């Protein structure tokens, strides 16, 4: 119990160090700010040195804090490695925990798991769901070994690799939609770059009074309530094929990269198999995405695809 509490203190320390703020750390850990402060005080008492310099601007690591950070990461990693190795079921020799954002599970994450089970049957697999902040924390702690996300956060001990340039397309649940979407448009916030590009390309739709930062979860909302929205081409392909959603002609397409973040200390054999399996999934996703874009080209007069607000476009030859 004492060891478990120490682990909690160390995880809290790492979150404050990463965010530079007791407030931000409390939000990410889903505890009160006073709880975070108390944990850090207990850790500082145990070590006999102040770990942070507090100010109105936030919390900055002291020299002792910077030195302890390396040990803290090692302690967390050893704990997670031991916990996961002990939990490996009989008949399995290795383990891999995969994390992904909600929008990336249906067409990428699940297929990644399927492919891994085909090429490495002895691999024990665990799946986690989360937004980038949570996934990055789990990666740093060693709870998650590999993750798919749209906006990666670089941390020591993690490698970031681009998987695919996903395309966001404008779709609507009624037949023959047009760009006249006043009162029927849901703005899905896909991050700062998308917002900036959206303002440049579609200023009249930027502030529709309804904004979701829920990714592909917005699909069910627009289907049931008759709204148009920007969603990933590969994700909505099945809805387009079934006639539940329709591409909006002349609407610009926004490329939006997917990234894979891997722990650098991941078992080399598992890391190689993870990359190989993800490559197979990516090739399949590219085919499906291209099928959606071909339908978009057939109903649009545009010669290029707008790239993040830049109408110089991307040639599709």
C-alpha atoms as a PDB file:
ATOM      1  CA  UNK A   1       0.000   0.000   0.000  1.00  0.00           C
ATOM      2  CA  UNK A   2       2.896   2.326   0.846  1.00  0.00           C
ATOM      3  CA  UNK A   3       4.545   1.503  -2.500  1.00  0.00           C
ATOM      4  CA  UNK A   4       1.308   2.150  -4.354  1.00  0.00           C
ATOM      5  CA  UNK A   5       1.002   5.551  -2.676  1.00  0.00           C
ATOM      6  CA  UNK A   6       4.598   6.354  -3.636  1.00  0.00           C
ATOM      7  CA  UNK A   7       3.762   5.528  -7.244  1.00  0.00           C
ATOM      8  CA  UNK A   8       0.791   7.921  -7.065  1.00  0.00           C
ATOM      9  CA  UNK A   9       3.058  10.672  -5.744  1.00  0.00           C
ATOM     10  CA  UNK A  10       5.599  10.053  -8.501  1.00  0.00           C
ATOM     11  CA  UNK A  11       2.916  10.068 -11.227  1.00  0.00           C
ATOM     12  CA  UNK A  12       1.620  13.364  -9.864  1.00  0.00           C
ATOM     13  CA  UNK A  13       5.135  14.806  -9.886  1.00  0.00           C
ATOM     14  CA  UNK A  14       5.624  13.814 -13.534  1.00  0.00           C
ATOM     15  CA  UNK A  15       2.287  15.347 -14.531  1.00  0.00           C
ATOM     16  CA  UNK A  16       3.137  18.668 -12.875  1.00  0.00           C
ATOM     17  CA  UNK A  17       6.585  18.591 -14.498  1.00  0.00           C
ATOM     18  CA  UNK A  18       5.052  17.925 -17.938  1.00  0.00           C
ATOM     19  CA  UNK A  19       2.294  20.535 -17.698  1.00  0.00           C
ATOM     20  CA  UNK A  20       4.201  23.151 -15.692  1.00  0.00           C
ATOM     21  CA  UNK A  21       1.112  23.804 -13.619  1.00  0.00           C
ATOM     22  CA  UNK A  22      -0.564  22.394 -10.517  1.00  0.00           C
ATOM     23  CA  UNK A  23      -3.939  23.405 -11.981  1.00  0.00           C
ATOM     24  CA  UNK A  24      -3.336  21.659 -15.316  1.00  0.00           C
ATOM     25  CA  UNK A  25      -2.033  18.555 -13.521  1.00  0.00           C
ATOM     26  CA  UNK A  26      -5.149  18.397 -11.343  1.00  0.00           C
ATOM     27  CA  UNK A  27      -7.372  18.567 -14.422  1.00  0.00           C
ATOM     28  CA  UNK A  28      -5.475  15.798 -16.192  1.00  0.00           C
ATOM     29  CA  UNK A  29      -5.409  13.584 -13.101  1.00  0.00           C
ATOM     30  CA  UNK A  30      -9.059  14.303 -12.220  1.00  0.00           C
ATOM     31  CA  UNK A  31      -8.244  15.372  -8.660  1.00  0.00           C
ATOM     32  CA  UNK A  32      -8.383  18.711  -6.856  1.00  0.00           C
ATOM     33  CA  UNK A  33      -5.530  21.197  -6.967  1.00  0.00           C
ATOM     34  CA  UNK A  34      -5.127  20.854  -3.208  1.00  0.00           C
ATOM     35  CA  UNK A  35      -4.682  17.078  -3.631  1.00  0.00           C
ATOM     36  CA  UNK A  36      -1.911  17.679  -6.165  1.00  0.00           C
ATOM     37  CA  UNK A  37      -0.219  20.188  -3.857  1.00  0.00           C
ATOM     38  CA  UNK A  38      -0.425  17.769  -0.919  1.00  0.00           C
ATOM     39  CA  UNK A  39       1.088  14.932  -2.950  1.00  0.00           C
ATOM     40  CA  UNK A  40       3.998  17.088  -4.087  1.00  0.00           C
ATOM     41  CA  UNK A  41       4.597  18.301  -0.523  1.00  0.00           C
ATOM     42  CA  UNK A  42       4.678  14.691   0.711  1.00  0.00           C
ATOM     43  CA  UNK A  43       7.159  13.777  -2.010  1.00  0.00           C
ATOM     44  CA  UNK A  44       9.333  16.794  -1.208  1.00  0.00           C
ATOM     45  CA  UNK A  45       9.242  15.885   2.484  1.00  0.00           C
ATOM     46  CA  UNK A  46      10.355  12.339   1.662  1.00  0.00           C
ATOM     47  CA  UNK A  47      13.244  13.559  -0.494  1.00  0.00           C
ATOM     48  CA  UNK A  48      14.150  16.470   1.750  1.00  0.00           C
ATOM     49  CA  UNK A  49      14.423  18.892  -1.193  1.00  0.00           C
ATOM     50  CA  UNK A  50      12.006  21.256  -2.978  1.00  0.00           C
ATOM     51  CA  UNK A  51      11.130  19.908  -6.422  1.00  0.00           C
ATOM     52  CA  UNK A  52       9.279  22.921  -7.832  1.00  0.00           C
ATOM     53  CA  UNK A  53       9.499  26.685  -7.697  1.00  0.00           C
ATOM     54  CA  UNK A  54       5.929  27.923  -7.361  1.00  0.00           C
ATOM     55  CA  UNK A  55       4.744  31.189  -8.880  1.00  0.00           C
ATOM     56  CA  UNK A  56       1.637  32.746 -10.407  1.00  0.00           C
ATOM     57  CA  UNK A  57       2.959  31.649 -13.800  1.00  0.00           C
ATOM     58  CA  UNK A  58       2.985  28.000 -12.768  1.00  0.00           C
ATOM     59  CA  UNK A  59       5.490  25.489 -11.411  1.00  0.00           C
ATOM     60  CA  UNK A  60       9.080  25.163 -12.606  1.00  0.00           C
ATOM     61  CA  UNK A  61      11.407  22.317 -11.719  1.00  0.00           C
ATOM     62  CA  UNK A  62      14.227  23.097  -9.338  1.00  0.00           C
ATOM     63  CA  UNK A  63      17.678  21.577  -9.974  1.00  0.00           C
ATOM     64  CA  UNK A  64      16.733  18.801  -7.551  1.00  0.00           C
ATOM     65  CA  UNK A  65      13.440  18.355  -9.400  1.00  0.00           C
ATOM     66  CA  UNK A  66      15.182  18.005 -12.760  1.00  0.00           C
ATOM     67  CA  UNK A  67      17.547  15.437 -11.309  1.00  0.00           C
ATOM     68  CA  UNK A  68      14.701  13.475  -9.703  1.00  0.00           C
ATOM     69  CA  UNK A  69      12.670  13.503 -12.945  1.00  0.00           C
ATOM     70  CA  UNK A  70      14.954  10.905 -14.539  1.00  0.00           C
ATOM     71  CA  UNK A  71      14.653   8.602 -11.520  1.00  0.00           C
ATOM     72  CA  UNK A  72      10.889   9.136 -11.406  1.00  0.00           C
ATOM     73  CA  UNK A  73      10.487   8.009 -15.015  1.00  0.00           C
ATOM     74  CA  UNK A  74      12.627   4.938 -14.353  1.00  0.00           C
ATOM     75  CA  UNK A  75      10.637   4.017 -11.231  1.00  0.00           C
ATOM     76  CA  UNK A  76       7.315   4.314 -13.059  1.00  0.00           C
ATOM     77  CA  UNK A  77       8.574   2.317 -16.028  1.00  0.00           C
ATOM     78  CA  UNK A  78       9.937  -0.480 -13.831  1.00  0.00           C
ATOM     79  CA  UNK A  79       6.662  -0.638 -11.901  1.00  0.00           C
ATOM     80  CA  UNK A  80       4.534  -0.798 -15.062  1.00  0.00           C
ATOM     81  CA  UNK A  81       6.817  -3.355 -16.714  1.00  0.00           C
ATOM     82  CA  UNK A  82       6.665  -5.596 -13.647  1.00  0.00           C
ATOM     83  CA  UNK A  83       2.891  -5.202 -13.315  1.00  0.00           C
ATOM     84  CA  UNK A  84       2.272  -6.049 -16.969  1.00  0.00           C
ATOM     85  CA  UNK A  85       4.729  -8.970 -17.110  1.00  0.00           C
ATOM     86  CA  UNK A  86       3.159 -10.599 -14.074  1.00  0.00           C
ATOM     87  CA  UNK A  87      -0.299 -10.171 -15.632  1.00  0.00           C
ATOM     88  CA  UNK A  88       0.566 -11.932 -18.931  1.00  0.00           C
ATOM     89  CA  UNK A  89      -1.879 -14.871 -19.310  1.00  0.00           C
ATOM     90  CA  UNK A  90      -0.642 -18.432 -19.703  1.00  0.00           C
ATOM     91  CA  UNK A  91       0.207 -19.266 -23.308  1.00  0.00           C
ATOM     92  CA  UNK A  92       1.391 -15.743 -24.155  1.00  0.00           C
ATOM     93  CA  UNK A  93       5.020 -14.643 -24.154  1.00  0.00           C
ATOM     94  CA  UNK A  94       4.884 -10.902 -24.781  1.00  0.00           C
ATOM     95  CA  UNK A  95       2.495  -8.032 -24.128  1.00  0.00           C
ATOM     96  CA  UNK A  96       1.517  -4.812 -25.896  1.00  0.00           C
ATOM     97  CA  UNK A  97      -0.875  -2.101 -24.759  1.00  0.00           C
ATOM     98  CA  UNK A  98      -2.269   0.065 -27.555  1.00  0.00           C
ATOM     99  CA  UNK A  99      -4.008   3.394 -27.052  1.00  0.00           C
ATOM    100  CA  UNK A 100      -5.974   5.510 -29.520  1.00  0.00           C
ATOM    101  CA  UNK A 101      -8.416   8.373 -29.728  1.00  0.00           C
ATOM    102  CA  UNK A 102     -12.056   7.426 -30.249  1.00  0.00           C
ATOM    103  CA  UNK A 103     -12.091   8.392 -33.935  1.00  0.00           C
ATOM    104  CA  UNK A 104      -9.091   6.177 -34.650  1.00  0.00           C
ATOM    105  CA  UNK A 105     -10.326   2.917 -33.167  1.00  0.00           C
ATOM    106  CA  UNK A 106     -12.986   1.734 -35.690  1.00  0.00           C
ATOM    107  CA  UNK A 107     -10.964   1.866 -38.927  1.00  0.00           C
ATOM    108  CA  UNK A 108      -7.395   1.776 -37.613  1.00  0.00           C
ATOM    109  CA  UNK A 109      -7.076   0.592 -34.015  1.00  0.00           C
ATOM    110  CA  UNK A 110      -9.304  -2.483 -34.273  1.00  0.00           C
ATOM    111  CA  UNK A 111      -7.707  -3.509 -37.570  1.00  0.00           C
ATOM    112  CA  UNK A 112      -4.270  -3.029 -36.027  1.00  0.00           C
ATOM    113  CA  UNK A 113      -5.225  -5.447 -33.249  1.00  0.00           C
ATOM    114  CA  UNK A 114      -6.597  -7.949 -35.792  1.00  0.00           C
ATOM    115  CA  UNK A 115      -3.409  -7.846 -37.843  1.00  0.00           C
ATOM    116  CA  UNK A 116      -1.176  -8.166 -34.784  1.00  0.00           C
ATOM    117  CA  UNK A 117      -3.083 -11.257 -33.651  1.00  0.00           C
ATOM    118  CA  UNK A 118      -2.570 -12.783 -37.112  1.00  0.00           C
ATOM    119  CA  UNK A 119       1.190 -12.257 -37.294  1.00  0.00           C
ATOM    120  CA  UNK A 120       2.001 -12.639 -33.584  1.00  0.00           C
ATOM    121  CA  UNK A 121      -0.493 -15.031 -31.910  1.00  0.00           C
ATOM    122  CA  UNK A 122       1.572 -15.225 -28.708  1.00  0.00           C
ATOM    123  CA  UNK A 123       1.161 -11.472 -28.105  1.00  0.00           C
ATOM    124  CA  UNK A 124      -1.097 -10.421 -25.226  1.00  0.00           C
ATOM    125  CA  UNK A 125      -2.885  -7.205 -26.257  1.00  0.00           C
ATOM    126  CA  UNK A 126      -4.617  -4.566 -24.144  1.00  0.00           C
ATOM    127  CA  UNK A 127      -6.476  -1.527 -25.515  1.00  0.00           C
ATOM    128  CA  UNK A 128      -6.898   1.940 -24.015  1.00  0.00           C
ATOM    129  CA  UNK A 129      -9.044   4.920 -25.029  1.00  0.00           C
ATOM    130  CA  UNK A 130      -8.187   8.564 -24.428  1.00  0.00           C
ATOM    131  CA  UNK A 131      -7.501  12.050 -25.672  1.00  0.00           C
ATOM    132  CA  UNK A 132      -3.880  13.088 -26.434  1.00  0.00           C
ATOM    133  CA  UNK A 133      -3.156  14.368 -22.908  1.00  0.00           C
ATOM    134  CA  UNK A 134      -4.213  11.128 -21.249  1.00  0.00           C
ATOM    135  CA  UNK A 135      -2.562   8.885 -23.845  1.00  0.00           C
ATOM    136  CA  UNK A 136       0.704  10.813 -23.591  1.00  0.00           C
ATOM    137  CA  UNK A 137       0.680  10.449 -19.812  1.00  0.00           C
ATOM    138  CA  UNK A 138       0.051   6.698 -20.110  1.00  0.00           C
ATOM    139  CA  UNK A 139       2.854   6.411 -22.674  1.00  0.00           C
ATOM    140  CA  UNK A 140       5.256   8.314 -20.437  1.00  0.00           C
ATOM    141  CA  UNK A 141       4.382   6.119 -17.470  1.00  0.00           C
ATOM    142  CA  UNK A 142       4.739   2.922 -19.518  1.00  0.00           C
ATOM    143  CA  UNK A 143       1.096   1.885 -19.074  1.00  0.00           C
ATOM    144  CA  UNK A 144       0.644   2.235 -22.865  1.00  0.00           C
ATOM    145  CA  UNK A 145       3.374   1.142 -25.292  1.00  0.00           C
ATOM    146  CA  UNK A 146       2.016   2.533 -28.573  1.00  0.00           C
ATOM    147  CA  UNK A 147      -0.742   4.985 -29.420  1.00  0.00           C
ATOM    148  CA  UNK A 148      -2.545   6.526 -32.380  1.00  0.00           C
ATOM    149  CA  UNK A 149      -3.486  10.185 -32.179  1.00  0.00           C
ATOM    150  CA  UNK A 150      -4.024  13.281 -34.283  1.00  0.00           C
ATOM    151  CA  UNK A 151      -1.966  15.770 -32.263  1.00  0.00           C
ATOM    152  CA  UNK A 152       1.111  14.079 -30.760  1.00  0.00           C
ATOM    153  CA  UNK A 153       2.911  15.451 -27.738  1.00  0.00           C
ATOM    154  CA  UNK A 154       6.667  14.925 -27.799  1.00  0.00           C
ATOM    155  CA  UNK A 155       8.141  13.585 -24.561  1.00  0.00           C
ATOM    156  CA  UNK A 156      11.532  12.042 -23.666  1.00  0.00           C
ATOM    157  CA  UNK A 157      11.588   8.325 -24.374  1.00  0.00           C
ATOM    158  CA  UNK A 158       8.862   8.485 -27.049  1.00  0.00           C
ATOM    159  CA  UNK A 159       9.228   8.334 -30.829  1.00  0.00           C
ATOM    160  CA  UNK A 160       6.675   9.939 -33.148  1.00  0.00           C
ATOM    161  CA  UNK A 161       6.003   8.483 -36.601  1.00  0.00           C
ATOM    162  CA  UNK A 162       3.529   9.671 -39.230  1.00  0.00           C
ATOM    163  CA  UNK A 163       1.054   6.964 -40.215  1.00  0.00           C
ATOM    164  CA  UNK A 164      -1.193   8.463 -42.884  1.00  0.00           C
ATOM    165  CA  UNK A 165      -2.572  11.769 -44.130  1.00  0.00           C
ATOM    166  CA  UNK A 166      -6.211  11.326 -43.260  1.00  0.00           C
ATOM    167  CA  UNK A 167      -8.731  13.454 -45.167  1.00  0.00           C
ATOM    168  CA  UNK A 168     -11.618  15.269 -43.512  1.00  0.00           C
ATOM    169  CA  UNK A 169     -14.612  15.521 -45.837  1.00  0.00           C
ATOM    170  CA  UNK A 170     -17.864  17.435 -45.509  1.00  0.00           C
ATOM    171  CA  UNK A 171     -20.880  15.120 -45.330  1.00  0.00           C
ATOM    172  CA  UNK A 172     -24.607  15.525 -44.738  1.00  0.00           C
ATOM    173  CA  UNK A 173     -27.391  12.992 -44.027  1.00  0.00           C
ATOM    174  CA  UNK A 174     -29.740  14.274 -46.745  1.00  0.00           C
ATOM    175  CA  UNK A 175     -29.453  13.598 -50.505  1.00  0.00           C
ATOM    176  CA  UNK A 176     -27.917  16.136 -52.895  1.00  0.00           C
ATOM    177  CA  UNK A 177     -26.505  18.509 -50.247  1.00  0.00           C
ATOM    178  CA  UNK A 178     -25.043  21.897 -51.234  1.00  0.00           C
ATOM    179  CA  UNK A 179     -22.795  24.422 -49.525  1.00  0.00           C
ATOM    180  CA  UNK A 180     -25.898  26.332 -48.419  1.00  0.00           C
ATOM    181  CA  UNK A 181     -25.770  24.980 -44.861  1.00  0.00           C
ATOM    182  CA  UNK A 182     -26.958  27.893 -42.740  1.00  0.00           C
ATOM    183  CA  UNK A 183     -28.667  26.523 -39.639  1.00  0.00           C
ATOM    184  CA  UNK A 184     -27.689  22.939 -40.557  1.00  0.00           C
ATOM    185  CA  UNK A 185     -23.940  22.857 -39.913  1.00  0.00           C
ATOM    186  CA  UNK A 186     -22.109  21.343 -36.944  1.00  0.00           C
ATOM    187  CA  UNK A 187     -18.562  22.627 -36.486  1.00  0.00           C
ATOM    188  CA  UNK A 188     -16.327  19.740 -35.395  1.00  0.00           C
ATOM    189  CA  UNK A 189     -13.170  21.122 -33.813  1.00  0.00           C
ATOM    190  CA  UNK A 190     -10.282  19.016 -35.120  1.00  0.00           C
ATOM    191  CA  UNK A 191      -7.590  21.187 -33.560  1.00  0.00           C
ATOM    192  CA  UNK A 192      -5.851  24.556 -34.122  1.00  0.00           C
ATOM    193  CA  UNK A 193      -4.625  23.923 -37.682  1.00  0.00           C
ATOM    194  CA  UNK A 194      -8.049  22.782 -38.862  1.00  0.00           C
ATOM    195  CA  UNK A 195      -9.760  25.731 -37.167  1.00  0.00           C
ATOM    196  CA  UNK A 196      -7.367  28.187 -38.799  1.00  0.00           C
ATOM    197  CA  UNK A 197      -7.803  26.620 -42.223  1.00  0.00           C
ATOM    198  CA  UNK A 198     -11.568  26.442 -41.812  1.00  0.00           C
ATOM    199  CA  UNK A 199     -11.655  30.174 -41.076  1.00  0.00           C
ATOM    200  CA  UNK A 200      -9.734  30.861 -44.288  1.00  0.00           C
ATOM    201  CA  UNK A 201     -11.694  28.549 -46.571  1.00  0.00           C
ATOM    202  CA  UNK A 202     -15.190  28.600 -45.062  1.00  0.00           C
ATOM    203  CA  UNK A 203     -15.536  31.783 -42.986  1.00  0.00           C
ATOM    204  CA  UNK A 204     -19.342  31.758 -43.250  1.00  0.00           C
ATOM    205  CA  UNK A 205     -19.471  28.384 -41.486  1.00  0.00           C
ATOM    206  CA  UNK A 206     -16.856  28.975 -38.793  1.00  0.00           C
ATOM    207  CA  UNK A 207     -19.176  30.095 -35.994  1.00  0.00           C
ATOM    208  CA  UNK A 208     -22.466  28.223 -36.531  1.00  0.00           C
ATOM    209  CA  UNK A 209     -23.403  28.305 -32.840  1.00  0.00           C
ATOM    210  CA  UNK A 210     -22.835  24.566 -32.466  1.00  0.00           C
ATOM    211  CA  UNK A 211     -19.302  23.222 -31.903  1.00  0.00           C
ATOM    212  CA  UNK A 212     -18.235  19.707 -30.903  1.00  0.00           C
ATOM    213  CA  UNK A 213     -14.687  18.702 -29.943  1.00  0.00           C
ATOM    214  CA  UNK A 214     -15.708  15.046 -30.025  1.00  0.00           C
ATOM    215  CA  UNK A 215     -14.108  13.842 -33.246  1.00  0.00           C
ATOM    216  CA  UNK A 216     -15.976  11.111 -35.095  1.00  0.00           C
ATOM    217  CA  UNK A 217     -18.436  10.744 -32.213  1.00  0.00           C
ATOM    218  CA  UNK A 218     -20.278  13.617 -33.907  1.00  0.00           C
ATOM    219  CA  UNK A 219     -21.391  11.161 -36.622  1.00  0.00           C
ATOM    220  CA  UNK A 220     -24.319   9.836 -34.609  1.00  0.00           C
ATOM    221  CA  UNK A 221     -25.416  13.368 -33.753  1.00  0.00           C
ATOM    222  CA  UNK A 222     -25.574  14.579 -37.349  1.00  0.00           C
ATOM    223  CA  UNK A 223     -27.344  11.396 -38.487  1.00  0.00           C
ATOM    224  CA  UNK A 224     -30.105  11.771 -35.912  1.00  0.00           C
ATOM    225  CA  UNK A 225     -30.459  15.560 -36.081  1.00  0.00           C
ATOM    226  CA  UNK A 226     -29.885  16.287 -39.768  1.00  0.00           C
ATOM    227  CA  UNK A 227     -26.673  18.329 -39.620  1.00  0.00           C
ATOM    228  CA  UNK A 228     -23.662  18.490 -41.944  1.00  0.00           C
ATOM    229  CA  UNK A 229     -20.109  18.191 -40.550  1.00  0.00           C
ATOM    230  CA  UNK A 230     -16.470  17.493 -41.401  1.00  0.00           C
ATOM    231  CA  UNK A 231     -15.547  13.882 -40.586  1.00  0.00           C
ATOM    232  CA  UNK A 232     -12.730  11.459 -41.563  1.00  0.00           C
ATOM    233  CA  UNK A 233     -13.239   9.963 -45.039  1.00  0.00           C
ATOM    234  CA  UNK A 234     -12.249   6.443 -43.993  1.00  0.00           C
ATOM    235  CA  UNK A 235     -14.567   6.607 -40.959  1.00  0.00           C
ATOM    236  CA  UNK A 236     -17.672   7.692 -42.885  1.00  0.00           C
ATOM    237  CA  UNK A 237     -17.096   5.440 -45.895  1.00  0.00           C
ATOM    238  CA  UNK A 238     -19.543   2.798 -44.655  1.00  0.00           C
ATOM    239  CA  UNK A 239     -22.193   5.473 -44.069  1.00  0.00           C
ATOM    240  CA  UNK A 240     -21.659   6.831 -47.580  1.00  0.00           C
ATOM    241  CA  UNK A 241     -21.818   3.345 -49.086  1.00  0.00           C
ATOM    242  CA  UNK A 242     -25.077   2.643 -47.247  1.00  0.00           C
ATOM    243  CA  UNK A 243     -26.624   5.965 -48.299  1.00  0.00           C
ATOM    244  CA  UNK A 244     -26.845   7.315 -44.747  1.00  0.00           C
ATOM    245  CA  UNK A 245     -24.396  10.129 -45.487  1.00  0.00           C
ATOM    246  CA  UNK A 246     -23.667  12.092 -48.653  1.00  0.00           C
ATOM    247  CA  UNK A 247     -20.584  14.035 -49.722  1.00  0.00           C
ATOM    248  CA  UNK A 248     -21.103  17.782 -50.187  1.00  0.00           C
ATOM    249  CA  UNK A 249     -19.910  18.834 -53.677  1.00  0.00           C
ATOM    250  CA  UNK A 250     -17.345  21.653 -53.949  1.00  0.00           C
ATOM    251  CA  UNK A 251     -16.496  21.480 -50.248  1.00  0.00           C
ATOM    252  CA  UNK A 252     -12.731  21.626 -49.645  1.00  0.00           C
ATOM    253  CA  UNK A 253     -11.068  18.551 -48.171  1.00  0.00           C
ATOM    254  CA  UNK A 254      -8.729  19.028 -45.235  1.00  0.00           C
ATOM    255  CA  UNK A 255      -5.803  16.577 -44.871  1.00  0.00           C
ATOM    256  CA  UNK A 256      -5.225  15.739 -41.223  1.00  0.00           C
ATOM    257  CA  UNK A 257      -2.289  13.460 -40.286  1.00  0.00           C
ATOM    258  CA  UNK A 258      -2.498  10.464 -37.966  1.00  0.00           C
ATOM    259  CA  UNK A 259       0.577   9.768 -35.832  1.00  0.00           C
ATOM    260  CA  UNK A 260       1.853   6.680 -34.076  1.00  0.00           C
ATOM    261  CA  UNK A 261       3.730   7.266 -30.829  1.00  0.00           C
ATOM    262  CA  UNK A 262       5.915   4.404 -29.605  1.00  0.00           C
ATOM    263  CA  UNK A 263       7.907   3.988 -26.448  1.00  0.00           C
ATOM    264  CA  UNK A 264      11.582   3.834 -27.400  1.00  0.00           C
ATOM    265  CA  UNK A 265      12.218   1.010 -24.914  1.00  0.00           C
ATOM    266  CA  UNK A 266       9.527  -1.222 -26.400  1.00  0.00           C
ATOM    267  CA  UNK A 267      10.647  -4.816 -26.995  1.00  0.00           C
ATOM    268  CA  UNK A 268      12.383  -4.677 -30.444  1.00  0.00           C
ATOM    269  CA  UNK A 269      10.485  -7.704 -31.783  1.00  0.00           C
ATOM    270  CA  UNK A 270       7.132  -6.299 -30.643  1.00  0.00           C
ATOM    271  CA  UNK A 271       7.999  -2.848 -32.025  1.00  0.00           C
ATOM    272  CA  UNK A 272       8.880  -4.335 -35.430  1.00  0.00           C
ATOM    273  CA  UNK A 273       5.656  -6.355 -35.552  1.00  0.00           C
ATOM    274  CA  UNK A 274       3.627  -3.319 -34.443  1.00  0.00           C
ATOM    275  CA  UNK A 275       5.053  -1.201 -37.246  1.00  0.00           C
ATOM    276  CA  UNK A 276       4.557  -3.964 -39.820  1.00  0.00           C
ATOM    277  CA  UNK A 277       0.955  -4.581 -38.786  1.00  0.00           C
ATOM    278  CA  UNK A 278       0.167  -0.853 -38.795  1.00  0.00           C
ATOM    279  CA  UNK A 279       1.643  -0.511 -42.288  1.00  0.00           C
ATOM    280  CA  UNK A 280      -0.717  -3.226 -43.553  1.00  0.00           C
ATOM    281  CA  UNK A 281      -3.671  -1.426 -41.962  1.00  0.00           C
ATOM    282  CA  UNK A 282      -2.552   1.901 -43.423  1.00  0.00           C
ATOM    283  CA  UNK A 283      -2.396   0.512 -46.958  1.00  0.00           C
ATOM    284  CA  UNK A 284      -5.955  -0.768 -46.615  1.00  0.00           C
ATOM    285  CA  UNK A 285      -7.136   2.567 -45.194  1.00  0.00           C
ATOM    286  CA  UNK A 286      -5.511   4.451 -48.064  1.00  0.00           C
ATOM    287  CA  UNK A 287      -7.503   2.374 -50.554  1.00  0.00           C
ATOM    288  CA  UNK A 288     -10.795   3.080 -48.756  1.00  0.00           C
ATOM    289  CA  UNK A 289     -10.009   6.760 -48.367  1.00  0.00           C
ATOM    290  CA  UNK A 290      -9.153   7.064 -52.055  1.00  0.00           C
ATOM    291  CA  UNK A 291     -12.513   5.508 -52.947  1.00  0.00           C
ATOM    292  CA  UNK A 292     -14.293   8.235 -50.975  1.00  0.00           C
ATOM    293  CA  UNK A 293     -12.169  10.972 -52.574  1.00  0.00           C
ATOM    294  CA  UNK A 294     -12.901   9.588 -56.036  1.00  0.00           C
ATOM    295  CA  UNK A 295     -16.609   9.959 -55.339  1.00  0.00           C
ATOM    296  CA  UNK A 296     -15.945  13.522 -54.185  1.00  0.00           C
ATOM    297  CA  UNK A 297     -14.065  14.314 -57.419  1.00  0.00           C
ATOM    298  CA  UNK A 298     -16.915  12.944 -59.509  1.00  0.00           C
ATOM    299  CA  UNK A 299     -19.409  15.370 -57.978  1.00  0.00           C
ATOM    300  CA  UNK A 300     -17.060  18.362 -57.694  1.00  0.00           C
ATOM    301  CA  UNK A 301     -15.537  20.670 -60.290  1.00  0.00           C
ATOM    302  CA  UNK A 302     -12.404  21.406 -58.270  1.00  0.00           C
ATOM    303  CA  UNK A 303      -9.069  20.317 -59.740  1.00  0.00           C
ATOM    304  CA  UNK A 304      -7.264  20.059 -56.429  1.00  0.00           C
ATOM    305  CA  UNK A 305      -7.812  19.403 -52.760  1.00  0.00           C
ATOM    306  CA  UNK A 306      -7.370  22.302 -50.358  1.00  0.00           C
ATOM    307  CA  UNK A 307      -4.531  21.608 -47.967  1.00  0.00           C
ATOM    308  CA  UNK A 308      -5.114  23.195 -44.573  1.00  0.00           C
ATOM    309  CA  UNK A 309      -6.474  26.386 -46.046  1.00  0.00           C
ATOM    310  CA  UNK A 310      -3.959  26.632 -48.884  1.00  0.00           C
ATOM    311  CA  UNK A 311      -5.811  26.483 -52.188  1.00  0.00           C
ATOM    312  CA  UNK A 312      -2.625  25.761 -54.087  1.00  0.00           C
ATOM    313  CA  UNK A 313      -3.922  22.293 -53.387  1.00  0.00           C
ATOM    314  CA  UNK A 314      -2.663  18.801 -53.775  1.00  0.00           C
ATOM    315  CA  UNK A 315      -2.578  17.198 -57.197  1.00  0.00           C
ATOM    316  CA  UNK A 316      -4.334  13.842 -57.517  1.00  0.00           C
ATOM    317  CA  UNK A 317      -2.821  12.341 -60.574  1.00  0.00           C
END
